[in-house]
Amino acid sequence: MTLQPQATTPPSGPMDNVDRQLLDIIQTGFPLTPRPYADLGQRLGIGEDEALERVRALKQSKIIRRLGANFQSAKLGFVSTLCAAKVPQEKMDDFVARVNACPGVTHNYLREHAYNIWFTLISPSREEAQATLDGISAATGVDILNLPATRLFKIRVDFRMDADA
């Protein structure tokens, strides 16, 4: 689904208590039902259209980065690797675009460090991960440091938005 704000919703207005409650719910409890925005609206005491509009406005204002499921990739037989690269400024746009175009990239960050781009890649196998990285390097001329995960440390992080919760 593509989320676009409607003209009636200011894309960068201040969040109110309903927005905060909405964010608390959708971080870990987004309804997996035929009409999730109706369910969200019911929980918040607003209509389905308003719930959808609020999510659209929060996405447009970049408070919400993405809506989607998180899977435990290892349980699905996939492998994960952390990647780092020293990307010269003149190659930055092309490098970032190529990394972001890869379906298995879950995060991509600019850092103030010699290794200035860090990203994670999920792939069906170590060989496929390396082939993806080799393809990016061949196309951009930038070497990528491949740091495969050997042990998972995962903590659940919810950002409480509703001060009354």
C-alpha atoms as a PDB file:
ATOM      1  CA  MET A   1       0.000   0.000   0.000  1.00  0.00           C
ATOM      2  CA  THR A   2       1.262   3.482  -0.826  1.00  0.00           C
ATOM      3  CA  LEU A   3       0.632   5.999   1.904  1.00  0.00           C
ATOM      4  CA  GLN A   4      -0.007   9.554   0.720  1.00  0.00           C
ATOM      5  CA  PRO A   5      -1.360  12.384   2.864  1.00  0.00           C
ATOM      6  CA  GLN A   6      -4.718  13.931   2.032  1.00  0.00           C
ATOM      7  CA  ALA A   7      -5.003  17.698   1.669  1.00  0.00           C
ATOM      8  CA  THR A   8      -7.021  17.826   4.909  1.00  0.00           C
ATOM      9  CA  THR A   9      -4.152  16.482   7.030  1.00  0.00           C
ATOM     10  CA  PRO A  10      -1.131  18.714   7.618  1.00  0.00           C
ATOM     11  CA  PRO A  11       1.955  16.549   6.951  1.00  0.00           C
ATOM     12  CA  SER A  12       4.147  18.161   9.590  1.00  0.00           C
ATOM     13  CA  GLY A  13       1.754  19.350  12.295  1.00  0.00           C
ATOM     14  CA  PRO A  14       2.390  18.558  15.951  1.00  0.00           C
ATOM     15  CA  MET A  15       1.436  15.111  17.221  1.00  0.00           C
ATOM     16  CA  ASP A  16      -1.492  14.920  19.586  1.00  0.00           C
ATOM     17  CA  ASN A  17      -2.343  12.260  22.162  1.00  0.00           C
ATOM     18  CA  VAL A  18      -4.205  10.130  19.577  1.00  0.00           C
ATOM     19  CA  ASP A  19      -1.103  10.103  17.328  1.00  0.00           C
ATOM     20  CA  ARG A  20       1.013   9.001  20.288  1.00  0.00           C
ATOM     21  CA  GLN A  21      -1.416   6.223  21.194  1.00  0.00           C
ATOM     22  CA  LEU A  22      -1.500   5.149  17.545  1.00  0.00           C
ATOM     23  CA  LEU A  23       2.294   4.911  17.460  1.00  0.00           C
ATOM     24  CA  ASP A  24       2.304   2.864  20.673  1.00  0.00           C
ATOM     25  CA  ILE A  25      -0.129   0.379  19.156  1.00  0.00           C
ATOM     26  CA  ILE A  26       1.399  -0.028  15.710  1.00  0.00           C
ATOM     27  CA  GLN A  27       4.963  -0.594  16.918  1.00  0.00           C
ATOM     28  CA  THR A  28       4.182  -4.115  18.061  1.00  0.00           C
ATOM     29  CA  GLY A  29       0.434  -4.643  17.814  1.00  0.00           C
ATOM     30  CA  PHE A  30      -0.620  -3.669  14.295  1.00  0.00           C
ATOM     31  CA  PRO A  31      -3.869  -5.576  13.686  1.00  0.00           C
ATOM     32  CA  LEU A  32      -3.527  -8.395  11.160  1.00  0.00           C
ATOM     33  CA  THR A  33      -7.146  -8.247  10.090  1.00  0.00           C
ATOM     34  CA  PRO A  34      -9.031  -7.491   6.873  1.00  0.00           C
ATOM     35  CA  ARG A  35      -9.601  -3.863   8.012  1.00  0.00           C
ATOM     36  CA  PRO A  36      -6.715  -2.949  10.315  1.00  0.00           C
ATOM     37  CA  TYR A  37      -7.402   0.788  10.240  1.00  0.00           C
ATOM     38  CA  ALA A  38     -10.997   0.189  11.342  1.00  0.00           C
ATOM     39  CA  ASP A  39      -9.627  -1.874  14.242  1.00  0.00           C
ATOM     40  CA  LEU A  40      -7.089   0.829  15.101  1.00  0.00           C
ATOM     41  CA  GLY A  41      -9.808   3.461  14.945  1.00  0.00           C
ATOM     42  CA  GLN A  42     -12.058   1.439  17.228  1.00  0.00           C
ATOM     43  CA  ARG A  43      -9.272   1.112  19.807  1.00  0.00           C
ATOM     44  CA  LEU A  44      -8.599   4.852  19.628  1.00  0.00           C
ATOM     45  CA  GLY A  45     -12.188   6.060  19.456  1.00  0.00           C
ATOM     46  CA  ILE A  46     -11.821   7.464  15.936  1.00  0.00           C
ATOM     47  CA  GLY A  47     -13.051   6.389  12.516  1.00  0.00           C
ATOM     48  CA  GLU A  48     -11.256   4.118  10.068  1.00  0.00           C
ATOM     49  CA  ASP A  49     -10.549   6.989   7.632  1.00  0.00           C
ATOM     50  CA  GLU A  50      -9.063   9.138  10.375  1.00  0.00           C
ATOM     51  CA  ALA A  51      -6.819   6.288  11.564  1.00  0.00           C
ATOM     52  CA  LEU A  52      -5.523   5.798   8.011  1.00  0.00           C
ATOM     53  CA  GLU A  53      -5.053   9.557   7.533  1.00  0.00           C
ATOM     54  CA  ARG A  54      -3.075   9.822  10.755  1.00  0.00           C
ATOM     55  CA  VAL A  55      -0.762   6.988   9.695  1.00  0.00           C
ATOM     56  CA  ARG A  56      -0.329   8.623   6.285  1.00  0.00           C
ATOM     57  CA  ALA A  57       0.519  11.984   7.877  1.00  0.00           C
ATOM     58  CA  LEU A  58       3.010  10.375  10.280  1.00  0.00           C
ATOM     59  CA  LYS A  59       4.629   8.545   7.357  1.00  0.00           C
ATOM     60  CA  GLN A  60       4.744  11.717   5.241  1.00  0.00           C
ATOM     61  CA  SER A  61       6.359  13.670   8.081  1.00  0.00           C
ATOM     62  CA  LYS A  62       8.882  10.808   8.470  1.00  0.00           C
ATOM     63  CA  ILE A  63       7.891  10.027  12.042  1.00  0.00           C
ATOM     64  CA  ILE A  64       7.025   6.567  10.709  1.00  0.00           C
ATOM     65  CA  ARG A  65       9.874   5.246   8.560  1.00  0.00           C
ATOM     66  CA  ARG A  66       8.170   2.085   7.372  1.00  0.00           C
ATOM     67  CA  LEU A  67       5.259  -0.199   8.046  1.00  0.00           C
ATOM     68  CA  GLY A  68       5.962  -3.867   7.655  1.00  0.00           C
ATOM     69  CA  ALA A  69       6.535  -7.178   9.328  1.00  0.00           C
ATOM     70  CA  ASN A  70       9.776  -8.221  10.956  1.00  0.00           C
ATOM     71  CA  PHE A  71      10.715 -11.858  10.512  1.00  0.00           C
ATOM     72  CA  GLN A  72      13.303 -13.952  12.302  1.00  0.00           C
ATOM     73  CA  SER A  73      15.350 -14.537   9.182  1.00  0.00           C
ATOM     74  CA  ALA A  74      17.494 -17.327  10.676  1.00  0.00           C
ATOM     75  CA  LYS A  75      14.354 -19.368  11.434  1.00  0.00           C
ATOM     76  CA  LEU A  76      13.485 -19.044   7.752  1.00  0.00           C
ATOM     77  CA  GLY A  77      16.930 -20.359   6.792  1.00  0.00           C
ATOM     78  CA  PHE A  78      18.402 -16.971   5.853  1.00  0.00           C
ATOM     79  CA  VAL A  79      21.728 -15.477   6.915  1.00  0.00           C
ATOM     80  CA  SER A  80      22.505 -11.961   8.022  1.00  0.00           C
ATOM     81  CA  THR A  81      25.607  -9.876   7.572  1.00  0.00           C
ATOM     82  CA  LEU A  82      26.681  -6.427   8.680  1.00  0.00           C
ATOM     83  CA  CYS A  83      28.502  -4.526   5.944  1.00  0.00           C
ATOM     84  CA  ALA A  84      30.719  -1.463   6.007  1.00  0.00           C
ATOM     85  CA  ALA A  85      32.309   0.573   3.236  1.00  0.00           C
ATOM     86  CA  LYS A  86      34.618   3.554   2.820  1.00  0.00           C
ATOM     87  CA  VAL A  87      32.651   5.488   0.221  1.00  0.00           C
ATOM     88  CA  PRO A  88      34.185   8.625  -1.324  1.00  0.00           C
ATOM     89  CA  GLN A  89      31.755  11.551  -1.486  1.00  0.00           C
ATOM     90  CA  GLU A  90      31.746  11.541  -5.295  1.00  0.00           C
ATOM     91  CA  LYS A  91      30.513   7.910  -5.298  1.00  0.00           C
ATOM     92  CA  MET A  92      28.082   8.270  -2.397  1.00  0.00           C
ATOM     93  CA  ASP A  93      24.814   8.740  -4.310  1.00  0.00           C
ATOM     94  CA  ASP A  94      25.459   5.843  -6.699  1.00  0.00           C
ATOM     95  CA  PHE A  95      26.672   3.522  -3.933  1.00  0.00           C
ATOM     96  CA  VAL A  96      23.717   4.257  -1.644  1.00  0.00           C
ATOM     97  CA  ALA A  97      21.222   3.856  -4.494  1.00  0.00           C
ATOM     98  CA  ARG A  98      22.678   0.453  -5.426  1.00  0.00           C
ATOM     99  CA  VAL A  99      22.679  -0.752  -1.811  1.00  0.00           C
ATOM    100  CA  ASN A 100      19.127   0.469  -1.232  1.00  0.00           C
ATOM    101  CA  ALA A 101      17.956  -1.293  -4.406  1.00  0.00           C
ATOM    102  CA  CYS A 102      18.929  -4.695  -2.974  1.00  0.00           C
ATOM    103  CA  PRO A 103      15.841  -6.482  -1.598  1.00  0.00           C
ATOM    104  CA  GLY A 104      17.703  -7.945   1.395  1.00  0.00           C
ATOM    105  CA  VAL A 105      19.014  -4.643   2.753  1.00  0.00           C
ATOM    106  CA  THR A 106      17.223  -3.848   5.991  1.00  0.00           C
ATOM    107  CA  HIS A 107      19.205  -0.862   7.284  1.00  0.00           C
ATOM    108  CA  ASN A 108      21.621   1.574   5.648  1.00  0.00           C
ATOM    109  CA  TYR A 109      23.328   4.323   7.637  1.00  0.00           C
ATOM    110  CA  LEU A 110      25.809   7.118   7.039  1.00  0.00           C
ATOM    111  CA  ARG A 111      28.398   7.357   9.837  1.00  0.00           C
ATOM    112  CA  GLU A 112      31.146   9.811  10.680  1.00  0.00           C
ATOM    113  CA  HIS A 113      33.982   7.298  10.436  1.00  0.00           C
ATOM    114  CA  ALA A 114      36.484   6.035   7.869  1.00  0.00           C
ATOM    115  CA  TYR A 115      33.887   3.321   7.169  1.00  0.00           C
ATOM    116  CA  ASN A 116      31.147   5.840   6.497  1.00  0.00           C
ATOM    117  CA  ILE A 117      28.380   3.546   5.194  1.00  0.00           C
ATOM    118  CA  TRP A 118      27.053   0.651   7.272  1.00  0.00           C
ATOM    119  CA  PHE A 119      24.195  -1.609   6.205  1.00  0.00           C
ATOM    120  CA  THR A 120      22.712  -5.001   6.954  1.00  0.00           C
ATOM    121  CA  LEU A 121      21.942  -7.613   4.331  1.00  0.00           C
ATOM    122  CA  ILE A 122      19.717 -10.673   4.707  1.00  0.00           C
ATOM    123  CA  SER A 123      20.206 -13.425   2.106  1.00  0.00           C
ATOM    124  CA  PRO A 124      19.257 -17.055   1.526  1.00  0.00           C
ATOM    125  CA  SER A 125      22.936 -18.093   1.862  1.00  0.00           C
ATOM    126  CA  ARG A 126      26.396 -16.725   2.634  1.00  0.00           C
ATOM    127  CA  GLU A 127      27.290 -17.294  -1.020  1.00  0.00           C
ATOM    128  CA  GLU A 128      24.360 -15.227  -2.258  1.00  0.00           C
ATOM    129  CA  ALA A 129      25.177 -12.469   0.231  1.00  0.00           C
ATOM    130  CA  GLN A 130      28.755 -12.361  -1.026  1.00  0.00           C
ATOM    131  CA  ALA A 131      27.570 -12.346  -4.648  1.00  0.00           C
ATOM    132  CA  THR A 132      25.326  -9.357  -3.883  1.00  0.00           C
ATOM    133  CA  LEU A 133      28.195  -7.497  -2.221  1.00  0.00           C
ATOM    134  CA  ASP A 134      30.560  -8.383  -5.075  1.00  0.00           C
ATOM    135  CA  GLY A 135      28.008  -7.012  -7.550  1.00  0.00           C
ATOM    136  CA  ILE A 136      27.739  -3.709  -5.683  1.00  0.00           C
ATOM    137  CA  SER A 137      31.538  -3.451  -5.488  1.00  0.00           C
ATOM    138  CA  ALA A 138      31.973  -4.248  -9.182  1.00  0.00           C
ATOM    139  CA  ALA A 139      29.409  -1.622 -10.176  1.00  0.00           C
ATOM    140  CA  THR A 140      30.711   1.118  -7.872  1.00  0.00           C
ATOM    141  CA  GLY A 141      34.421   0.407  -7.427  1.00  0.00           C
ATOM    142  CA  VAL A 142      33.941   0.445  -3.643  1.00  0.00           C
ATOM    143  CA  ASP A 143      35.127  -2.498  -1.530  1.00  0.00           C
ATOM    144  CA  ILE A 144      32.694  -3.733   1.117  1.00  0.00           C
ATOM    145  CA  LEU A 145      33.697  -5.208   4.458  1.00  0.00           C
ATOM    146  CA  ASN A 146      31.514  -8.287   5.072  1.00  0.00           C
ATOM    147  CA  LEU A 147      30.943  -9.063   8.776  1.00  0.00           C
ATOM    148  CA  PRO A 148      28.589 -12.081   8.890  1.00  0.00           C
ATOM    149  CA  ALA A 149      26.526 -12.582  12.022  1.00  0.00           C
ATOM    150  CA  THR A 150      27.696 -15.567  14.041  1.00  0.00           C
ATOM    151  CA  ARG A 151      25.499 -14.956  17.083  1.00  0.00           C
ATOM    152  CA  LEU A 152      22.286 -12.971  17.388  1.00  0.00           C
ATOM    153  CA  PHE A 153      21.806 -10.423  20.130  1.00  0.00           C
ATOM    154  CA  LYS A 154      18.336  -8.978  19.808  1.00  0.00           C
ATOM    155  CA  ILE A 155      16.520  -6.828  22.273  1.00  0.00           C
ATOM    156  CA  ARG A 156      12.977  -5.651  21.847  1.00  0.00           C
ATOM    157  CA  VAL A 157      12.707  -1.905  21.723  1.00  0.00           C
ATOM    158  CA  ASP A 158       9.402  -0.101  21.881  1.00  0.00           C
ATOM    159  CA  PHE A 159       9.424   3.679  22.022  1.00  0.00           C
ATOM    160  CA  ARG A 160       6.632   4.629  24.394  1.00  0.00           C
ATOM    161  CA  MET A 161       4.925   7.648  22.908  1.00  0.00           C
ATOM    162  CA  ASP A 162       1.867   8.016  25.142  1.00  0.00           C
ATOM    163  CA  ALA A 163       2.898   9.539  28.461  1.00  0.00           C
ATOM    164  CA  ASP A 164      -0.327   8.245  30.027  1.00  0.00           C
ATOM    165  CA  ALA A 165       0.323   4.603  29.050  1.00  0.00           C
END
